[in-house]
C-alpha cells in the first residue's frame, strides 16, 4: 500500500513534469494569466489615482520588464536575449499601451467604469500580444 506522503510526492512530481511539458500556446496562457493578473493589479490601483493614460503607461512599464522576462525565457525559451527582440517587444508594448488607453476611454464614454473597461479589453490585448510575440518577436529561424 502507498502511503499518503509518497502519493503526494508522486502527484507533485507528475504535476511539475506535466507543467514543463506544456506546448508554447499553453505556456503562453499560463504565464499570460500570471502576467495579466499582476499587470492588472498595477492598472486597477493606478486608475483610482491617475488618468487613464498615466495608469495604462504605468501598467505597461511593469509589463515591459516582467512580461519580457516571462515570455522570452519561460514561453519562447530564448537562451540568449537579443537587443532587437527587446526593441520589438518594446514597440509591441507601446502598441498595446495605445490600444489599452484608447479602448478604455472609448468604453468609458459609453458610461462603463474605467476599471470594468480595463477588464473587458484583456482578451484583445492578449491576442495582439501573442500574435506579435509568436510571429514577429520570438519567431524561430530554421
C-alpha atoms as a PDB file:
ATOM      1  CA  UNK A   1       0.000   0.000   0.000  1.00  0.00           C
ATOM      2  CA  UNK A   2       1.272   3.508  -0.875  1.00  0.00           C
ATOM      3  CA  UNK A   3       1.481   5.997   1.961  1.00  0.00           C
ATOM      4  CA  UNK A   4      -0.206   9.380   1.640  1.00  0.00           C
ATOM      5  CA  UNK A   5       3.181  11.133   1.641  1.00  0.00           C
ATOM      6  CA  UNK A   6       4.508   9.019  -1.248  1.00  0.00           C
ATOM      7  CA  UNK A   7       1.308   9.581  -3.192  1.00  0.00           C
ATOM      8  CA  UNK A   8       1.517  13.339  -2.604  1.00  0.00           C
ATOM      9  CA  UNK A   9       5.168  13.424  -3.712  1.00  0.00           C
ATOM     10  CA  UNK A  10       4.300  11.379  -6.811  1.00  0.00           C
ATOM     11  CA  UNK A  11       1.401  13.699  -7.697  1.00  0.00           C
ATOM     12  CA  UNK A  12       3.542  16.800  -7.162  1.00  0.00           C
ATOM     13  CA  UNK A  13       6.362  15.441  -9.362  1.00  0.00           C
ATOM     14  CA  UNK A  14       3.846  14.399 -12.014  1.00  0.00           C
ATOM     15  CA  UNK A  15       2.255  17.865 -11.990  1.00  0.00           C
ATOM     16  CA  UNK A  16       5.632  19.590 -12.293  1.00  0.00           C
ATOM     17  CA  UNK A  17       6.670  17.263 -15.130  1.00  0.00           C
ATOM     18  CA  UNK A  18       3.414  17.899 -17.000  1.00  0.00           C
ATOM     19  CA  UNK A  19       3.696  21.648 -16.397  1.00  0.00           C
ATOM     20  CA  UNK A  20       7.115  21.781 -18.010  1.00  0.00           C
ATOM     21  CA  UNK A  21       5.902  19.719 -20.978  1.00  0.00           C
ATOM     22  CA  UNK A  22       3.207  22.209 -21.948  1.00  0.00           C
ATOM     23  CA  UNK A  23       3.339  23.446 -25.522  1.00  0.00           C
ATOM     24  CA  UNK A  24       4.035  27.075 -26.399  1.00  0.00           C
ATOM     25  CA  UNK A  25       0.374  28.123 -26.532  1.00  0.00           C
ATOM     26  CA  UNK A  26      -0.386  26.504 -23.175  1.00  0.00           C
ATOM     27  CA  UNK A  27       2.671  28.103 -21.571  1.00  0.00           C
ATOM     28  CA  UNK A  28       1.635  31.460 -23.036  1.00  0.00           C
ATOM     29  CA  UNK A  29      -1.775  31.090 -21.401  1.00  0.00           C
ATOM     30  CA  UNK A  30      -0.357  30.025 -18.002  1.00  0.00           C
ATOM     31  CA  UNK A  31       2.301  32.727 -17.822  1.00  0.00           C
ATOM     32  CA  UNK A  32      -0.023  35.172 -19.547  1.00  0.00           C
ATOM     33  CA  UNK A  33      -2.575  34.747 -16.775  1.00  0.00           C
ATOM     34  CA  UNK A  34       0.103  35.475 -14.176  1.00  0.00           C
ATOM     35  CA  UNK A  35       1.383  38.478 -16.125  1.00  0.00           C
ATOM     36  CA  UNK A  36      -2.134  39.759 -16.811  1.00  0.00           C
ATOM     37  CA  UNK A  37      -3.116  39.384 -13.170  1.00  0.00           C
ATOM     38  CA  UNK A  38      -0.104  41.315 -11.868  1.00  0.00           C
ATOM     39  CA  UNK A  39      -0.215  43.936 -14.626  1.00  0.00           C
ATOM     40  CA  UNK A  40      -3.929  44.489 -13.968  1.00  0.00           C
ATOM     41  CA  UNK A  41      -3.350  44.916 -10.251  1.00  0.00           C
ATOM     42  CA  UNK A  42      -0.996  47.773 -11.145  1.00  0.00           C
ATOM     43  CA  UNK A  43      -3.565  49.131 -13.627  1.00  0.00           C
ATOM     44  CA  UNK A  44      -6.602  48.831 -11.364  1.00  0.00           C
ATOM     45  CA  UNK A  45      -4.888  50.567  -8.443  1.00  0.00           C
ATOM     46  CA  UNK A  46      -3.452  53.261 -10.720  1.00  0.00           C
ATOM     47  CA  UNK A  47      -6.880  54.008 -12.215  1.00  0.00           C
ATOM     48  CA  UNK A  48      -8.056  55.179  -8.779  1.00  0.00           C
ATOM     49  CA  UNK A  49      -5.299  57.790  -8.581  1.00  0.00           C
ATOM     50  CA  UNK A  50      -4.251  58.765 -12.107  1.00  0.00           C
ATOM     51  CA  UNK A  51      -5.658  59.428 -15.548  1.00  0.00           C
ATOM     52  CA  UNK A  52      -6.259  56.521 -17.898  1.00  0.00           C
ATOM     53  CA  UNK A  53      -3.207  57.401 -19.969  1.00  0.00           C
ATOM     54  CA  UNK A  54      -0.865  57.517 -16.962  1.00  0.00           C
ATOM     55  CA  UNK A  55      -2.383  54.390 -15.414  1.00  0.00           C
ATOM     56  CA  UNK A  56      -2.053  52.339 -18.581  1.00  0.00           C
ATOM     57  CA  UNK A  57       1.501  53.625 -19.038  1.00  0.00           C
ATOM     58  CA  UNK A  58       2.467  52.514 -15.512  1.00  0.00           C
ATOM     59  CA  UNK A  59       0.958  49.073 -16.018  1.00  0.00           C
ATOM     60  CA  UNK A  60       2.672  48.691 -19.403  1.00  0.00           C
ATOM     61  CA  UNK A  61       6.006  49.753 -17.877  1.00  0.00           C
ATOM     62  CA  UNK A  62       5.599  46.931 -15.360  1.00  0.00           C
ATOM     63  CA  UNK A  63       4.547  44.572 -18.157  1.00  0.00           C
ATOM     64  CA  UNK A  64       7.504  45.546 -20.332  1.00  0.00           C
ATOM     65  CA  UNK A  65      10.014  44.240 -17.824  1.00  0.00           C
ATOM     66  CA  UNK A  66       8.134  41.405 -16.155  1.00  0.00           C
ATOM     67  CA  UNK A  67       6.397  40.239 -19.331  1.00  0.00           C
ATOM     68  CA  UNK A  68       9.550  40.263 -21.445  1.00  0.00           C
ATOM     69  CA  UNK A  69      11.322  38.061 -18.940  1.00  0.00           C
ATOM     70  CA  UNK A  70       8.391  35.623 -18.640  1.00  0.00           C
ATOM     71  CA  UNK A  71       7.692  35.283 -22.323  1.00  0.00           C
ATOM     72  CA  UNK A  72      11.272  35.242 -23.595  1.00  0.00           C
ATOM     73  CA  UNK A  73      12.639  32.795 -21.026  1.00  0.00           C
ATOM     74  CA  UNK A  74       9.644  30.716 -19.961  1.00  0.00           C
ATOM     75  CA  UNK A  75       7.385  30.550 -23.029  1.00  0.00           C
ATOM     76  CA  UNK A  76       9.569  31.009 -26.093  1.00  0.00           C
ATOM     77  CA  UNK A  77      12.688  29.530 -24.425  1.00  0.00           C
ATOM     78  CA  UNK A  78      15.099  32.223 -25.629  1.00  0.00           C
ATOM     79  CA  UNK A  79      18.585  31.289 -24.458  1.00  0.00           C
ATOM     80  CA  UNK A  80      20.355  34.486 -25.485  1.00  0.00           C
ATOM     81  CA  UNK A  81      18.455  37.748 -25.221  1.00  0.00           C
ATOM     82  CA  UNK A  82      18.936  39.754 -28.385  1.00  0.00           C
ATOM     83  CA  UNK A  83      18.740  43.531 -28.450  1.00  0.00           C
ATOM     84  CA  UNK A  84      16.394  43.551 -31.452  1.00  0.00           C
ATOM     85  CA  UNK A  85      13.930  41.213 -29.676  1.00  0.00           C
ATOM     86  CA  UNK A  86      13.721  43.591 -26.734  1.00  0.00           C
ATOM     87  CA  UNK A  87      13.271  46.527 -29.133  1.00  0.00           C
ATOM     88  CA  UNK A  88      10.453  44.685 -30.955  1.00  0.00           C
ATOM     89  CA  UNK A  89       8.892  43.740 -27.618  1.00  0.00           C
ATOM     90  CA  UNK A  90       9.075  47.400 -26.549  1.00  0.00           C
ATOM     91  CA  UNK A  91       7.365  48.501 -29.767  1.00  0.00           C
ATOM     92  CA  UNK A  92       4.646  45.888 -29.221  1.00  0.00           C
ATOM     93  CA  UNK A  93       4.299  47.117 -25.645  1.00  0.00           C
ATOM     94  CA  UNK A  94       3.867  50.685 -26.919  1.00  0.00           C
ATOM     95  CA  UNK A  95       1.201  49.497 -29.375  1.00  0.00           C
ATOM     96  CA  UNK A  96      -0.663  47.632 -26.632  1.00  0.00           C
ATOM     97  CA  UNK A  97      -0.433  50.663 -24.334  1.00  0.00           C
ATOM     98  CA  UNK A  98      -2.083  52.814 -27.008  1.00  0.00           C
ATOM     99  CA  UNK A  99      -4.797  50.227 -27.695  1.00  0.00           C
ATOM    100  CA  UNK A 100      -5.339  49.928 -23.939  1.00  0.00           C
ATOM    101  CA  UNK A 101      -5.851  53.574 -23.023  1.00  0.00           C
ATOM    102  CA  UNK A 102      -7.707  54.396 -26.248  1.00  0.00           C
ATOM    103  CA  UNK A 103     -10.112  51.476 -25.725  1.00  0.00           C
ATOM    104  CA  UNK A 104     -10.645  52.300 -22.046  1.00  0.00           C
ATOM    105  CA  UNK A 105     -11.501  55.895 -22.970  1.00  0.00           C
ATOM    106  CA  UNK A 106     -13.943  54.804 -25.701  1.00  0.00           C
ATOM    107  CA  UNK A 107     -15.671  52.239 -23.476  1.00  0.00           C
ATOM    108  CA  UNK A 108     -15.802  54.735 -20.584  1.00  0.00           C
ATOM    109  CA  UNK A 109     -17.573  57.195 -22.910  1.00  0.00           C
ATOM    110  CA  UNK A 110     -20.396  54.630 -23.068  1.00  0.00           C
ATOM    111  CA  UNK A 111     -20.925  55.009 -19.321  1.00  0.00           C
ATOM    112  CA  UNK A 112     -18.917  51.981 -18.179  1.00  0.00           C
ATOM    113  CA  UNK A 113     -16.397  52.422 -15.365  1.00  0.00           C
ATOM    114  CA  UNK A 114     -12.685  52.601 -16.219  1.00  0.00           C
ATOM    115  CA  UNK A 115     -11.963  49.530 -14.129  1.00  0.00           C
ATOM    116  CA  UNK A 116     -14.586  47.395 -15.892  1.00  0.00           C
ATOM    117  CA  UNK A 117     -13.474  48.724 -19.285  1.00  0.00           C
ATOM    118  CA  UNK A 118      -9.886  47.696 -18.496  1.00  0.00           C
ATOM    119  CA  UNK A 119     -11.049  44.154 -17.764  1.00  0.00           C
ATOM    120  CA  UNK A 120     -13.187  43.956 -20.914  1.00  0.00           C
ATOM    121  CA  UNK A 121     -10.288  44.562 -23.293  1.00  0.00           C
ATOM    122  CA  UNK A 122      -7.930  41.944 -21.820  1.00  0.00           C
ATOM    123  CA  UNK A 123      -8.764  39.307 -24.490  1.00  0.00           C
ATOM    124  CA  UNK A 124      -7.983  41.736 -27.336  1.00  0.00           C
ATOM    125  CA  UNK A 125      -4.685  42.729 -25.746  1.00  0.00           C
ATOM    126  CA  UNK A 126      -3.746  39.085 -25.147  1.00  0.00           C
ATOM    127  CA  UNK A 127      -4.460  38.197 -28.772  1.00  0.00           C
ATOM    128  CA  UNK A 128      -2.370  41.089 -30.118  1.00  0.00           C
ATOM    129  CA  UNK A 129       0.424  40.190 -27.701  1.00  0.00           C
ATOM    130  CA  UNK A 130       0.503  36.506 -28.650  1.00  0.00           C
ATOM    131  CA  UNK A 131       0.431  37.154 -32.396  1.00  0.00           C
ATOM    132  CA  UNK A 132       3.213  39.735 -32.208  1.00  0.00           C
ATOM    133  CA  UNK A 133       5.404  37.589 -29.988  1.00  0.00           C
ATOM    134  CA  UNK A 134       4.871  34.317 -31.817  1.00  0.00           C
ATOM    135  CA  UNK A 135       5.159  35.567 -35.387  1.00  0.00           C
ATOM    136  CA  UNK A 136       7.441  38.616 -35.108  1.00  0.00           C
ATOM    137  CA  UNK A 137       9.420  38.955 -31.888  1.00  0.00           C
ATOM    138  CA  UNK A 138      10.394  35.395 -30.938  1.00  0.00           C
ATOM    139  CA  UNK A 139       9.930  33.605 -34.260  1.00  0.00           C
ATOM    140  CA  UNK A 140      12.372  30.805 -34.828  1.00  0.00           C
ATOM    141  CA  UNK A 141      14.596  30.854 -37.887  1.00  0.00           C
ATOM    142  CA  UNK A 142      15.294  27.376 -39.166  1.00  0.00           C
END
